[in-house]
Amino acid sequence: PDEKEGEVFYHRVADGHVQWTHPLSSYYHGLVFMKRQGEKLAAEALRSEPPDEEEVAEMAAYAQVDLSTEASLRETVLQMVAAPLPPGWEEVEVGVFVHAVSGVEQEAHPLDEYFLQAIARARRGAKRQGGCNSAEAVRTVGTLLELDGDPHAALGLSRGAGAAAVRRRYRELALLVHPDKCEHARAAEAFAVLTRCYKAILFE
């Protein structure tokens, strides 16, 4: 940022672009909304009206995601298809969004910047970790998210599993889905489910 007469603005050196808002402002506003209620709303929309593969493919193309080689980004693409509008935003016509308070009108969905940044961050994580994106890790994330609420099924354990077996299974799955190890867009959520299920079994 540069400062002039007490005001802060942001200057992009590469092309000289100047703006008053922080470059990541839209991303973090989107992140807060999604964590508070957006993810739940998107999940409900996907359950009530699942998109067909053509819709998913179109959104993947828009986000420049190749699902044949970036399977871990499928959940993010699905969320983009079902993305809810943050408070104050209205789609006044197809592809035109207006904010009631500020009067801002734009063609991009208000959450686009959040999703595109999430995709970019997942890719950077994959690059740092040498492409840690095994099919097993992707399946494990999906299983944990799908079976949240049934701890034994989520961890693939029988009801009579002993404490040692539970701890061992937890460590095995943690190596696959821990967000520091796995670049899947929902790895952190899956790891939270894993930890919650582990504690539920161990202390039931």
N, C-alpha and C. Protein backbone atom coordinates (compact mmCIF):
# COMPACT_ATOMS: atom_id res chain seq x y z
N PRO A 1 0.83 -1.20 0.00
CA PRO A 1 0.00 0.00 0.00
C PRO A 1 0.86 1.25 0.00
N ASP A 2 0.34 2.34 -0.55
CA ASP A 2 0.97 3.64 -0.48
C ASP A 2 0.07 4.54 0.35
N GLU A 3 0.66 5.55 0.99
CA GLU A 3 -0.12 6.46 1.80
C GLU A 3 0.04 7.88 1.27
N LYS A 4 -1.07 8.63 1.25
CA LYS A 4 -1.05 10.00 0.81
C LYS A 4 -2.14 10.76 1.54
N GLU A 5 -1.74 11.81 2.29
CA GLU A 5 -2.67 12.63 3.04
C GLU A 5 -3.56 11.79 3.94
N GLY A 6 -2.95 10.81 4.60
CA GLY A 6 -3.67 10.00 5.58
C GLY A 6 -4.52 8.89 5.01
N GLU A 7 -4.58 8.76 3.69
CA GLU A 7 -5.38 7.70 3.09
C GLU A 7 -4.47 6.61 2.53
N VAL A 8 -4.98 5.40 2.50
CA VAL A 8 -4.20 4.26 2.02
C VAL A 8 -4.81 3.77 0.71
N PHE A 9 -3.96 3.56 -0.29
CA PHE A 9 -4.41 2.94 -1.53
C PHE A 9 -3.39 1.89 -1.93
N TYR A 10 -3.79 1.03 -2.86
CA TYR A 10 -2.96 -0.11 -3.24
C TYR A 10 -2.56 0.01 -4.71
N HIS A 11 -1.27 -0.13 -4.94
CA HIS A 11 -0.70 0.07 -6.28
C HIS A 11 -0.09 -1.24 -6.77
N ARG A 12 -0.60 -1.74 -7.90
CA ARG A 12 -0.06 -2.96 -8.48
C ARG A 12 1.07 -2.58 -9.44
N VAL A 13 2.27 -2.94 -9.05
CA VAL A 13 3.45 -2.51 -9.79
C VAL A 13 3.45 -3.02 -11.22
N ALA A 14 2.97 -4.23 -11.43
CA ALA A 14 3.06 -4.86 -12.76
C ALA A 14 2.39 -4.04 -13.85
N ASP A 15 1.20 -3.47 -13.55
CA ASP A 15 0.49 -2.73 -14.60
C ASP A 15 0.06 -1.33 -14.19
N GLY A 16 0.46 -0.90 -12.99
CA GLY A 16 0.14 0.45 -12.55
C GLY A 16 -1.26 0.64 -12.01
N HIS A 17 -2.03 -0.43 -11.90
CA HIS A 17 -3.40 -0.34 -11.41
C HIS A 17 -3.42 0.14 -9.95
N VAL A 18 -4.35 1.06 -9.64
CA VAL A 18 -4.48 1.60 -8.28
C VAL A 18 -5.91 1.38 -7.80
N GLN A 19 -6.06 0.96 -6.53
CA GLN A 19 -7.39 0.80 -5.96
C GLN A 19 -7.37 1.11 -4.48
N TRP A 20 -8.55 1.44 -3.93
CA TRP A 20 -8.64 1.83 -2.53
C TRP A 20 -8.85 0.63 -1.61
N THR A 21 -9.50 -0.42 -2.12
CA THR A 21 -9.75 -1.59 -1.29
C THR A 21 -8.58 -2.57 -1.35
N HIS A 22 -8.38 -3.29 -0.27
CA HIS A 22 -7.30 -4.28 -0.24
C HIS A 22 -7.55 -5.33 -1.33
N PRO A 23 -6.50 -5.77 -2.03
CA PRO A 23 -6.67 -6.74 -3.12
C PRO A 23 -7.35 -8.04 -2.71
N LEU A 24 -7.26 -8.41 -1.43
CA LEU A 24 -7.87 -9.66 -0.97
C LEU A 24 -9.16 -9.44 -0.19
N SER A 25 -9.66 -8.21 -0.21
CA SER A 25 -10.87 -7.89 0.55
C SER A 25 -12.05 -8.78 0.16
N SER A 26 -12.28 -8.93 -1.14
CA SER A 26 -13.42 -9.75 -1.60
C SER A 26 -13.26 -11.20 -1.16
N TYR A 27 -12.02 -11.69 -1.21
CA TYR A 27 -11.78 -13.08 -0.81
C TYR A 27 -12.12 -13.29 0.66
N TYR A 28 -11.64 -12.40 1.53
CA TYR A 28 -11.86 -12.61 2.96
C TYR A 28 -13.32 -12.37 3.36
N HIS A 29 -13.98 -11.42 2.70
CA HIS A 29 -15.41 -11.25 2.96
C HIS A 29 -16.17 -12.52 2.56
N GLY A 30 -15.79 -13.08 1.42
CA GLY A 30 -16.40 -14.32 0.96
C GLY A 30 -16.11 -15.47 1.90
N LEU A 31 -14.87 -15.54 2.39
CA LEU A 31 -14.47 -16.61 3.31
C LEU A 31 -15.31 -16.58 4.58
N VAL A 32 -15.48 -15.38 5.16
CA VAL A 32 -16.27 -15.25 6.38
C VAL A 32 -17.72 -15.68 6.14
N PHE A 33 -18.29 -15.21 5.04
CA PHE A 33 -19.68 -15.57 4.73
C PHE A 33 -19.83 -17.07 4.52
N MET A 34 -18.91 -17.67 3.77
CA MET A 34 -19.01 -19.10 3.48
C MET A 34 -18.89 -19.93 4.76
N LYS A 35 -17.98 -19.56 5.64
CA LYS A 35 -17.79 -20.33 6.87
C LYS A 35 -18.98 -20.16 7.82
N ARG A 36 -19.57 -18.97 7.83
CA ARG A 36 -20.69 -18.72 8.73
C ARG A 36 -21.98 -19.40 8.27
N GLN A 37 -22.27 -19.29 6.98
CA GLN A 37 -23.53 -19.86 6.51
C GLN A 37 -23.52 -20.31 5.05
N GLY A 38 -22.60 -19.78 4.26
CA GLY A 38 -22.60 -20.06 2.83
C GLY A 38 -22.41 -21.52 2.48
N GLU A 39 -21.49 -22.21 3.18
CA GLU A 39 -21.24 -23.62 2.88
C GLU A 39 -22.49 -24.46 3.15
N LYS A 40 -23.18 -24.14 4.23
CA LYS A 40 -24.40 -24.87 4.57
C LYS A 40 -25.48 -24.63 3.51
N LEU A 41 -25.63 -23.37 3.09
CA LEU A 41 -26.63 -23.04 2.08
C LEU A 41 -26.32 -23.72 0.75
N ALA A 42 -25.04 -23.73 0.37
CA ALA A 42 -24.64 -24.37 -0.88
C ALA A 42 -24.90 -25.87 -0.82
N ALA A 43 -24.57 -26.49 0.32
CA ALA A 43 -24.79 -27.93 0.48
C ALA A 43 -26.27 -28.27 0.39
N GLU A 44 -27.11 -27.44 1.00
CA GLU A 44 -28.56 -27.67 0.94
C GLU A 44 -29.07 -27.55 -0.49
N ALA A 45 -28.55 -26.56 -1.21
CA ALA A 45 -28.96 -26.36 -2.61
C ALA A 45 -28.55 -27.54 -3.47
N LEU A 46 -27.35 -28.07 -3.23
CA LEU A 46 -26.87 -29.21 -4.00
C LEU A 46 -27.68 -30.47 -3.72
N ARG A 47 -28.12 -30.61 -2.46
CA ARG A 47 -28.93 -31.78 -2.11
C ARG A 47 -30.33 -31.69 -2.72
N SER A 48 -30.91 -30.50 -2.67
CA SER A 48 -32.29 -30.34 -3.15
C SER A 48 -32.37 -30.31 -4.67
N GLU A 49 -31.32 -29.81 -5.32
CA GLU A 49 -31.32 -29.72 -6.78
C GLU A 49 -29.92 -29.99 -7.32
N PRO A 50 -29.51 -31.25 -7.36
CA PRO A 50 -28.15 -31.59 -7.82
C PRO A 50 -27.92 -31.13 -9.26
N PRO A 51 -26.78 -30.50 -9.53
CA PRO A 51 -26.50 -30.06 -10.90
C PRO A 51 -26.16 -31.25 -11.80
N ASP A 52 -26.45 -31.12 -13.09
CA ASP A 52 -26.04 -32.19 -14.00
C ASP A 52 -24.58 -31.97 -14.40
N GLU A 53 -24.02 -32.95 -15.06
CA GLU A 53 -22.59 -32.88 -15.39
C GLU A 53 -22.27 -31.75 -16.35
N GLU A 54 -23.23 -31.37 -17.18
CA GLU A 54 -23.00 -30.25 -18.10
C GLU A 54 -22.81 -28.95 -17.33
N GLU A 55 -23.64 -28.72 -16.31
CA GLU A 55 -23.50 -27.53 -15.48
C GLU A 55 -22.15 -27.51 -14.78
N VAL A 56 -21.76 -28.67 -14.25
CA VAL A 56 -20.48 -28.77 -13.55
C VAL A 56 -19.33 -28.49 -14.52
N ALA A 57 -19.42 -29.05 -15.71
CA ALA A 57 -18.36 -28.86 -16.71
C ALA A 57 -18.26 -27.39 -17.12
N GLU A 58 -19.41 -26.73 -17.27
CA GLU A 58 -19.41 -25.31 -17.65
C GLU A 58 -18.77 -24.45 -16.57
N MET A 59 -19.09 -24.75 -15.31
CA MET A 59 -18.50 -23.98 -14.22
C MET A 59 -17.00 -24.25 -14.11
N ALA A 60 -16.61 -25.50 -14.31
CA ALA A 60 -15.19 -25.85 -14.27
C ALA A 60 -14.44 -25.08 -15.36
N ALA A 61 -15.04 -24.99 -16.54
CA ALA A 61 -14.41 -24.25 -17.64
C ALA A 61 -14.29 -22.77 -17.28
N TYR A 62 -15.34 -22.22 -16.67
CA TYR A 62 -15.32 -20.81 -16.25
C TYR A 62 -14.19 -20.56 -15.25
N ALA A 63 -14.03 -21.49 -14.31
CA ALA A 63 -12.99 -21.35 -13.28
C ALA A 63 -11.63 -21.84 -13.75
N GLN A 64 -11.57 -22.30 -15.00
CA GLN A 64 -10.33 -22.82 -15.59
C GLN A 64 -9.76 -23.99 -14.77
N VAL A 65 -10.66 -24.90 -14.43
CA VAL A 65 -10.29 -26.11 -13.69
C VAL A 65 -10.48 -27.32 -14.60
N ASP A 66 -9.46 -28.14 -14.70
CA ASP A 66 -9.55 -29.38 -15.47
C ASP A 66 -9.83 -30.52 -14.49
N LEU A 67 -11.09 -30.90 -14.40
CA LEU A 67 -11.48 -31.90 -13.41
C LEU A 67 -10.89 -33.28 -13.68
N SER A 68 -10.42 -33.51 -14.89
CA SER A 68 -9.81 -34.81 -15.18
C SER A 68 -8.45 -34.95 -14.52
N THR A 69 -7.81 -33.82 -14.22
CA THR A 69 -6.50 -33.85 -13.57
C THR A 69 -6.50 -33.16 -12.21
N GLU A 70 -7.59 -32.47 -11.88
CA GLU A 70 -7.68 -31.74 -10.60
C GLU A 70 -8.95 -32.17 -9.87
N ALA A 71 -9.06 -33.46 -9.63
CA ALA A 71 -10.27 -34.01 -9.01
C ALA A 71 -10.55 -33.41 -7.64
N SER A 72 -9.50 -33.01 -6.93
CA SER A 72 -9.69 -32.47 -5.59
C SER A 72 -10.42 -31.13 -5.61
N LEU A 73 -10.52 -30.49 -6.78
CA LEU A 73 -11.20 -29.20 -6.88
C LEU A 73 -12.68 -29.34 -7.24
N ARG A 74 -13.14 -30.56 -7.40
CA ARG A 74 -14.54 -30.78 -7.80
C ARG A 74 -15.52 -30.19 -6.78
N GLU A 75 -15.24 -30.37 -5.49
CA GLU A 75 -16.14 -29.85 -4.46
C GLU A 75 -16.24 -28.33 -4.56
N THR A 76 -15.13 -27.67 -4.85
CA THR A 76 -15.15 -26.21 -4.98
C THR A 76 -15.98 -25.81 -6.19
N VAL A 77 -15.82 -26.52 -7.29
CA VAL A 77 -16.60 -26.23 -8.49
C VAL A 77 -18.10 -26.43 -8.21
N LEU A 78 -18.44 -27.50 -7.50
CA LEU A 78 -19.84 -27.74 -7.14
C LEU A 78 -20.39 -26.61 -6.28
N GLN A 79 -19.58 -26.13 -5.35
CA GLN A 79 -20.02 -25.00 -4.52
C GLN A 79 -20.24 -23.76 -5.37
N MET A 80 -19.42 -23.57 -6.39
CA MET A 80 -19.61 -22.42 -7.29
C MET A 80 -20.94 -22.52 -8.02
N VAL A 81 -21.30 -23.73 -8.44
CA VAL A 81 -22.57 -23.93 -9.14
C VAL A 81 -23.74 -23.52 -8.24
N ALA A 82 -23.65 -23.87 -6.96
CA ALA A 82 -24.75 -23.64 -6.02
C ALA A 82 -24.52 -22.43 -5.13
N ALA A 83 -23.58 -21.58 -5.49
CA ALA A 83 -23.18 -20.47 -4.60
C ALA A 83 -24.37 -19.57 -4.24
N PRO A 84 -24.60 -19.36 -2.94
CA PRO A 84 -25.65 -18.44 -2.52
C PRO A 84 -25.17 -17.00 -2.64
N LEU A 85 -26.09 -16.07 -2.56
CA LEU A 85 -25.71 -14.65 -2.59
C LEU A 85 -25.50 -14.15 -1.17
N PRO A 86 -24.41 -13.44 -0.90
CA PRO A 86 -24.19 -12.86 0.43
C PRO A 86 -25.26 -11.81 0.72
N PRO A 87 -25.46 -11.46 2.00
CA PRO A 87 -26.46 -10.47 2.37
C PRO A 87 -26.27 -9.16 1.60
N GLY A 88 -27.38 -8.60 1.15
CA GLY A 88 -27.33 -7.31 0.45
C GLY A 88 -27.25 -7.42 -1.06
N TRP A 89 -26.91 -8.60 -1.55
CA TRP A 89 -26.75 -8.79 -2.99
C TRP A 89 -28.02 -9.37 -3.60
N GLU A 90 -28.31 -8.95 -4.83
CA GLU A 90 -29.47 -9.46 -5.55
C GLU A 90 -29.10 -9.63 -7.03
N GLU A 91 -29.57 -10.72 -7.61
CA GLU A 91 -29.37 -10.92 -9.05
C GLU A 91 -30.58 -10.32 -9.76
N VAL A 92 -30.41 -9.13 -10.34
CA VAL A 92 -31.53 -8.40 -10.93
C VAL A 92 -31.92 -8.95 -12.29
N GLU A 93 -30.98 -9.56 -12.97
CA GLU A 93 -31.24 -10.30 -14.20
C GLU A 93 -30.12 -11.31 -14.35
N VAL A 94 -30.26 -12.23 -15.27
CA VAL A 94 -29.27 -13.30 -15.39
C VAL A 94 -27.87 -12.71 -15.61
N GLY A 95 -26.98 -13.02 -14.66
CA GLY A 95 -25.60 -12.57 -14.79
C GLY A 95 -25.35 -11.13 -14.41
N VAL A 96 -26.31 -10.47 -13.75
CA VAL A 96 -26.11 -9.09 -13.30
C VAL A 96 -26.47 -9.02 -11.82
N PHE A 97 -25.50 -8.61 -11.00
CA PHE A 97 -25.67 -8.59 -9.54
C PHE A 97 -25.55 -7.16 -9.03
N VAL A 98 -26.44 -6.79 -8.11
CA VAL A 98 -26.45 -5.44 -7.56
C VAL A 98 -26.46 -5.52 -6.04
N HIS A 99 -25.64 -4.65 -5.41
CA HIS A 99 -25.64 -4.56 -3.95
C HIS A 99 -26.58 -3.44 -3.53
N ALA A 100 -27.56 -3.78 -2.71
CA ALA A 100 -28.63 -2.84 -2.37
C ALA A 100 -28.13 -1.58 -1.67
N VAL A 101 -27.12 -1.71 -0.81
CA VAL A 101 -26.65 -0.57 -0.02
C VAL A 101 -25.68 0.30 -0.81
N SER A 102 -24.67 -0.31 -1.39
CA SER A 102 -23.63 0.46 -2.09
C SER A 102 -24.02 0.83 -3.51
N GLY A 103 -24.99 0.10 -4.08
CA GLY A 103 -25.37 0.36 -5.46
C GLY A 103 -24.42 -0.22 -6.49
N VAL A 104 -23.41 -0.95 -6.02
CA VAL A 104 -22.45 -1.57 -6.94
C VAL A 104 -23.16 -2.58 -7.83
N GLU A 105 -22.89 -2.51 -9.13
CA GLU A 105 -23.45 -3.45 -10.09
C GLU A 105 -22.31 -4.16 -10.81
N GLN A 106 -22.41 -5.47 -10.91
CA GLN A 106 -21.33 -6.23 -11.55
C GLN A 106 -21.88 -7.49 -12.20
N GLU A 107 -21.10 -8.01 -13.13
CA GLU A 107 -21.50 -9.23 -13.82
C GLU A 107 -20.98 -10.48 -13.12
N ALA A 108 -19.89 -10.35 -12.39
CA ALA A 108 -19.33 -11.49 -11.67
C ALA A 108 -20.14 -11.76 -10.40
N HIS A 109 -20.35 -13.04 -10.09
CA HIS A 109 -21.02 -13.40 -8.83
C HIS A 109 -20.18 -12.86 -7.67
N PRO A 110 -20.81 -12.31 -6.63
CA PRO A 110 -20.06 -11.73 -5.51
C PRO A 110 -19.08 -12.68 -4.84
N LEU A 111 -19.27 -13.98 -5.00
CA LEU A 111 -18.36 -14.95 -4.37
C LEU A 111 -17.29 -15.48 -5.34
N ASP A 112 -17.30 -15.00 -6.57
CA ASP A 112 -16.31 -15.50 -7.55
C ASP A 112 -14.89 -15.34 -7.05
N GLU A 113 -14.58 -14.17 -6.50
CA GLU A 113 -13.20 -13.92 -6.06
C GLU A 113 -12.81 -14.89 -4.95
N TYR A 114 -13.74 -15.19 -4.06
CA TYR A 114 -13.46 -16.15 -2.99
C TYR A 114 -13.12 -17.51 -3.58
N PHE A 115 -13.95 -18.00 -4.49
CA PHE A 115 -13.73 -19.33 -5.06
C PHE A 115 -12.45 -19.39 -5.90
N LEU A 116 -12.20 -18.36 -6.69
CA LEU A 116 -11.00 -18.37 -7.53
C LEU A 116 -9.74 -18.31 -6.69
N GLN A 117 -9.79 -17.57 -5.59
CA GLN A 117 -8.64 -17.54 -4.67
C GLN A 117 -8.48 -18.89 -3.98
N ALA A 118 -9.60 -19.52 -3.62
CA ALA A 118 -9.53 -20.83 -2.97
C ALA A 118 -8.89 -21.85 -3.91
N ILE A 119 -9.24 -21.77 -5.19
CA ILE A 119 -8.64 -22.66 -6.18
C ILE A 119 -7.15 -22.40 -6.32
N ALA A 120 -6.79 -21.12 -6.39
CA ALA A 120 -5.37 -20.76 -6.53
C ALA A 120 -4.56 -21.23 -5.33
N ARG A 121 -5.14 -21.08 -4.14
CA ARG A 121 -4.44 -21.50 -2.92
C ARG A 121 -4.28 -23.02 -2.87
N ALA A 122 -5.30 -23.73 -3.30
CA ALA A 122 -5.20 -25.20 -3.33
C ALA A 122 -4.11 -25.64 -4.29
N ARG A 123 -4.01 -24.95 -5.42
CA ARG A 123 -2.97 -25.30 -6.39
C ARG A 123 -1.58 -25.00 -5.85
N ARG A 124 -1.44 -23.87 -5.17
CA ARG A 124 -0.13 -23.55 -4.58
C ARG A 124 0.24 -24.59 -3.53
N GLY A 125 -0.74 -25.02 -2.75
CA GLY A 125 -0.48 -26.05 -1.75
C GLY A 125 -0.04 -27.34 -2.39
N ALA A 126 -0.68 -27.69 -3.50
CA ALA A 126 -0.32 -28.92 -4.21
C ALA A 126 1.11 -28.83 -4.74
N LYS A 127 1.46 -27.66 -5.24
CA LYS A 127 2.81 -27.48 -5.79
C LYS A 127 3.86 -27.59 -4.69
N ARG A 128 3.57 -26.97 -3.53
CA ARG A 128 4.52 -27.02 -2.41
C ARG A 128 4.71 -28.45 -1.91
N GLN A 129 3.64 -29.22 -1.95
CA GLN A 129 3.69 -30.58 -1.40
C GLN A 129 3.95 -31.63 -2.47
N GLY A 130 4.38 -31.17 -3.63
CA GLY A 130 4.70 -32.11 -4.69
C GLY A 130 3.49 -32.81 -5.26
N GLY A 131 2.33 -32.11 -5.24
CA GLY A 131 1.13 -32.68 -5.85
C GLY A 131 0.46 -33.74 -5.00
N CYS A 132 0.48 -33.56 -3.67
CA CYS A 132 -0.16 -34.53 -2.78
C CYS A 132 -1.66 -34.55 -3.04
N ASN A 133 -2.09 -35.42 -3.91
CA ASN A 133 -3.49 -35.46 -4.31
C ASN A 133 -3.86 -36.89 -4.70
N SER A 134 -3.54 -37.83 -3.84
CA SER A 134 -3.80 -39.23 -4.17
C SER A 134 -5.29 -39.49 -4.24
N ALA A 135 -5.65 -40.48 -5.05
CA ALA A 135 -7.06 -40.86 -5.16
C ALA A 135 -7.60 -41.29 -3.80
N GLU A 136 -6.75 -41.91 -3.00
CA GLU A 136 -7.18 -42.36 -1.67
C GLU A 136 -7.52 -41.17 -0.79
N ALA A 137 -6.72 -40.11 -0.87
CA ALA A 137 -6.98 -38.91 -0.06
C ALA A 137 -8.30 -38.27 -0.49
N VAL A 138 -8.53 -38.18 -1.79
CA VAL A 138 -9.78 -37.60 -2.30
C VAL A 138 -10.97 -38.42 -1.83
N ARG A 139 -10.87 -39.74 -1.92
CA ARG A 139 -11.96 -40.61 -1.46
C ARG A 139 -12.20 -40.46 0.03
N THR A 140 -11.12 -40.34 0.80
CA THR A 140 -11.24 -40.24 2.25
C THR A 140 -11.94 -38.95 2.64
N VAL A 141 -11.58 -37.85 1.99
CA VAL A 141 -12.26 -36.57 2.25
C VAL A 141 -13.75 -36.72 1.98
N GLY A 142 -14.10 -37.30 0.84
CA GLY A 142 -15.50 -37.48 0.49
C GLY A 142 -16.25 -38.36 1.48
N THR A 143 -15.61 -39.43 1.92
CA THR A 143 -16.24 -40.35 2.87
C THR A 143 -16.50 -39.67 4.21
N LEU A 144 -15.51 -38.95 4.70
CA LEU A 144 -15.67 -38.26 5.99
C LEU A 144 -16.79 -37.24 5.94
N LEU A 145 -16.86 -36.47 4.85
CA LEU A 145 -17.90 -35.46 4.74
C LEU A 145 -19.27 -36.09 4.58
N GLU A 146 -19.35 -37.18 3.85
CA GLU A 146 -20.63 -37.85 3.62
C GLU A 146 -21.15 -38.54 4.87
N LEU A 147 -20.24 -39.12 5.66
CA LEU A 147 -20.67 -39.92 6.82
C LEU A 147 -20.54 -39.18 8.15
N ASP A 148 -20.34 -37.87 8.09
CA ASP A 148 -20.32 -37.08 9.32
C ASP A 148 -21.63 -37.32 10.07
N GLY A 149 -21.56 -37.64 11.33
CA GLY A 149 -22.76 -37.98 12.09
C GLY A 149 -22.81 -39.45 12.45
N ASP A 150 -22.01 -40.26 11.75
CA ASP A 150 -21.89 -41.69 12.08
C ASP A 150 -20.40 -41.98 12.27
N PRO A 151 -19.86 -41.71 13.46
CA PRO A 151 -18.42 -41.79 13.70
C PRO A 151 -17.78 -43.10 13.27
N HIS A 152 -18.39 -44.22 13.59
CA HIS A 152 -17.79 -45.52 13.26
C HIS A 152 -17.72 -45.73 11.75
N ALA A 153 -18.80 -45.39 11.05
CA ALA A 153 -18.81 -45.54 9.59
C ALA A 153 -17.81 -44.59 8.94
N ALA A 154 -17.73 -43.37 9.46
CA ALA A 154 -16.82 -42.38 8.89
C ALA A 154 -15.37 -42.86 8.97
N LEU A 155 -15.01 -43.50 10.08
CA LEU A 155 -13.64 -43.97 10.26
C LEU A 155 -13.45 -45.40 9.76
N GLY A 156 -14.54 -46.03 9.32
CA GLY A 156 -14.43 -47.40 8.82
C GLY A 156 -14.11 -48.40 9.91
N LEU A 157 -14.70 -48.19 11.09
CA LEU A 157 -14.44 -49.06 12.24
C LEU A 157 -15.70 -49.79 12.67
N SER A 158 -15.53 -50.96 13.21
CA SER A 158 -16.66 -51.70 13.77
C SER A 158 -17.02 -51.10 15.12
N ARG A 159 -18.23 -51.37 15.57
CA ARG A 159 -18.70 -50.80 16.85
C ARG A 159 -17.87 -51.28 18.03
N GLY A 160 -17.26 -52.43 17.91
CA GLY A 160 -16.50 -52.97 19.04
C GLY A 160 -15.02 -52.67 18.98
N ALA A 161 -14.60 -51.78 18.11
CA ALA A 161 -13.17 -51.47 17.97
C ALA A 161 -12.59 -50.95 19.28
N GLY A 162 -11.41 -51.44 19.64
CA GLY A 162 -10.77 -50.99 20.87
C GLY A 162 -10.07 -49.66 20.70
N ALA A 163 -9.65 -49.08 21.83
CA ALA A 163 -9.03 -47.76 21.81
C ALA A 163 -7.77 -47.73 20.95
N ALA A 164 -6.97 -48.77 21.00
CA ALA A 164 -5.73 -48.81 20.21
C ALA A 164 -6.04 -48.78 18.72
N ALA A 165 -7.06 -49.54 18.31
CA ALA A 165 -7.45 -49.58 16.90
C ALA A 165 -8.00 -48.23 16.45
N VAL A 166 -8.75 -47.58 17.34
CA VAL A 166 -9.32 -46.27 17.02
C VAL A 166 -8.21 -45.24 16.81
N ARG A 167 -7.23 -45.25 17.73
CA ARG A 167 -6.11 -44.30 17.60
C ARG A 167 -5.30 -44.56 16.34
N ARG A 168 -5.08 -45.83 16.06
CA ARG A 168 -4.31 -46.18 14.86
C ARG A 168 -5.03 -45.72 13.59
N ARG A 169 -6.34 -45.94 13.55
CA ARG A 169 -7.12 -45.53 12.37
C ARG A 169 -7.13 -44.01 12.23
N TYR A 170 -7.23 -43.33 13.35
CA TYR A 170 -7.21 -41.86 13.32
C TYR A 170 -5.90 -41.36 12.72
N ARG A 171 -4.79 -41.93 13.15
CA ARG A 171 -3.49 -41.51 12.62
C ARG A 171 -3.39 -41.78 11.12
N GLU A 172 -3.89 -42.92 10.68
CA GLU A 172 -3.85 -43.27 9.25
C GLU A 172 -4.63 -42.25 8.41
N LEU A 173 -5.83 -41.93 8.87
CA LEU A 173 -6.66 -41.00 8.11
C LEU A 173 -6.15 -39.57 8.20
N ALA A 174 -5.59 -39.22 9.36
CA ALA A 174 -5.05 -37.86 9.53
C ALA A 174 -3.92 -37.59 8.54
N LEU A 175 -3.12 -38.60 8.26
CA LEU A 175 -2.04 -38.44 7.29
C LEU A 175 -2.57 -38.17 5.88
N LEU A 176 -3.79 -38.62 5.62
CA LEU A 176 -4.38 -38.42 4.29
C LEU A 176 -5.09 -37.08 4.15
N VAL A 177 -5.75 -36.61 5.21
CA VAL A 177 -6.62 -35.44 5.05
C VAL A 177 -6.20 -34.21 5.84
N HIS A 178 -5.12 -34.29 6.61
CA HIS A 178 -4.70 -33.09 7.35
C HIS A 178 -4.44 -31.97 6.36
N PRO A 179 -5.00 -30.76 6.60
CA PRO A 179 -4.84 -29.66 5.64
C PRO A 179 -3.40 -29.25 5.38
N ASP A 180 -2.49 -29.59 6.27
CA ASP A 180 -1.07 -29.30 6.01
C ASP A 180 -0.47 -30.30 5.03
N LYS A 181 -1.15 -31.42 4.83
CA LYS A 181 -0.65 -32.47 3.94
C LYS A 181 -1.46 -32.61 2.66
N CYS A 182 -2.75 -32.34 2.75
CA CYS A 182 -3.66 -32.55 1.63
C CYS A 182 -4.17 -31.22 1.10
N GLU A 183 -4.11 -31.01 -0.21
CA GLU A 183 -4.50 -29.73 -0.80
C GLU A 183 -5.97 -29.70 -1.21
N HIS A 184 -6.72 -30.76 -0.94
CA HIS A 184 -8.15 -30.79 -1.27
C HIS A 184 -8.83 -29.56 -0.68
N ALA A 185 -9.71 -28.94 -1.46
CA ALA A 185 -10.36 -27.70 -1.04
C ALA A 185 -11.13 -27.85 0.27
N ARG A 186 -11.55 -29.07 0.61
CA ARG A 186 -12.32 -29.28 1.84
C ARG A 186 -11.56 -30.14 2.85
N ALA A 187 -10.24 -30.16 2.72
CA ALA A 187 -9.43 -30.97 3.63
C ALA A 187 -9.61 -30.55 5.08
N ALA A 188 -9.63 -29.24 5.33
CA ALA A 188 -9.77 -28.75 6.71
C ALA A 188 -11.10 -29.20 7.31
N GLU A 189 -12.14 -29.14 6.49
CA GLU A 189 -13.46 -29.57 6.96
C GLU A 189 -13.47 -31.07 7.25
N ALA A 190 -12.84 -31.85 6.36
CA ALA A 190 -12.78 -33.30 6.55
C ALA A 190 -11.98 -33.66 7.80
N PHE A 191 -10.88 -32.92 8.02
CA PHE A 191 -10.06 -33.18 9.20
C PHE A 191 -10.83 -32.87 10.48
N ALA A 192 -11.65 -31.81 10.43
CA ALA A 192 -12.48 -31.48 11.60
C ALA A 192 -13.49 -32.59 11.87
N VAL A 193 -14.07 -33.15 10.81
CA VAL A 193 -15.00 -34.28 10.97
C VAL A 193 -14.26 -35.48 11.56
N LEU A 194 -13.08 -35.76 11.03
CA LEU A 194 -12.28 -36.88 11.53
C LEU A 194 -12.01 -36.74 13.02
N THR A 195 -11.58 -35.57 13.43
CA THR A 195 -11.26 -35.34 14.84
C THR A 195 -12.49 -35.47 15.72
N ARG A 196 -13.60 -34.91 15.23
CA ARG A 196 -14.85 -34.99 15.99
C ARG A 196 -15.31 -36.44 16.15
N CYS A 197 -15.24 -37.21 15.07
CA CYS A 197 -15.65 -38.62 15.12
C CYS A 197 -14.73 -39.44 16.02
N TYR A 198 -13.44 -39.15 15.92
CA TYR A 198 -12.44 -39.85 16.76
C TYR A 198 -12.75 -39.65 18.24
N LYS A 199 -13.02 -38.41 18.62
CA LYS A 199 -13.32 -38.11 20.02
C LYS A 199 -14.64 -38.74 20.45
N ALA A 200 -15.61 -38.73 19.54
CA ALA A 200 -16.92 -39.31 19.87
C ALA A 200 -16.80 -40.80 20.16
N ILE A 201 -15.98 -41.50 19.38
CA ILE A 201 -15.80 -42.95 19.59
C ILE A 201 -14.99 -43.21 20.85
N LEU A 202 -13.92 -42.46 21.00
CA LEU A 202 -12.99 -42.72 22.10
C LEU A 202 -13.61 -42.43 23.46
N PHE A 203 -14.50 -41.43 23.50
CA PHE A 203 -15.04 -41.02 24.79
C PHE A 203 -16.53 -41.31 24.93
N GLU A 204 -17.06 -42.19 24.07
CA GLU A 204 -18.49 -42.51 24.17
C GLU A 204 -18.77 -43.39 25.39
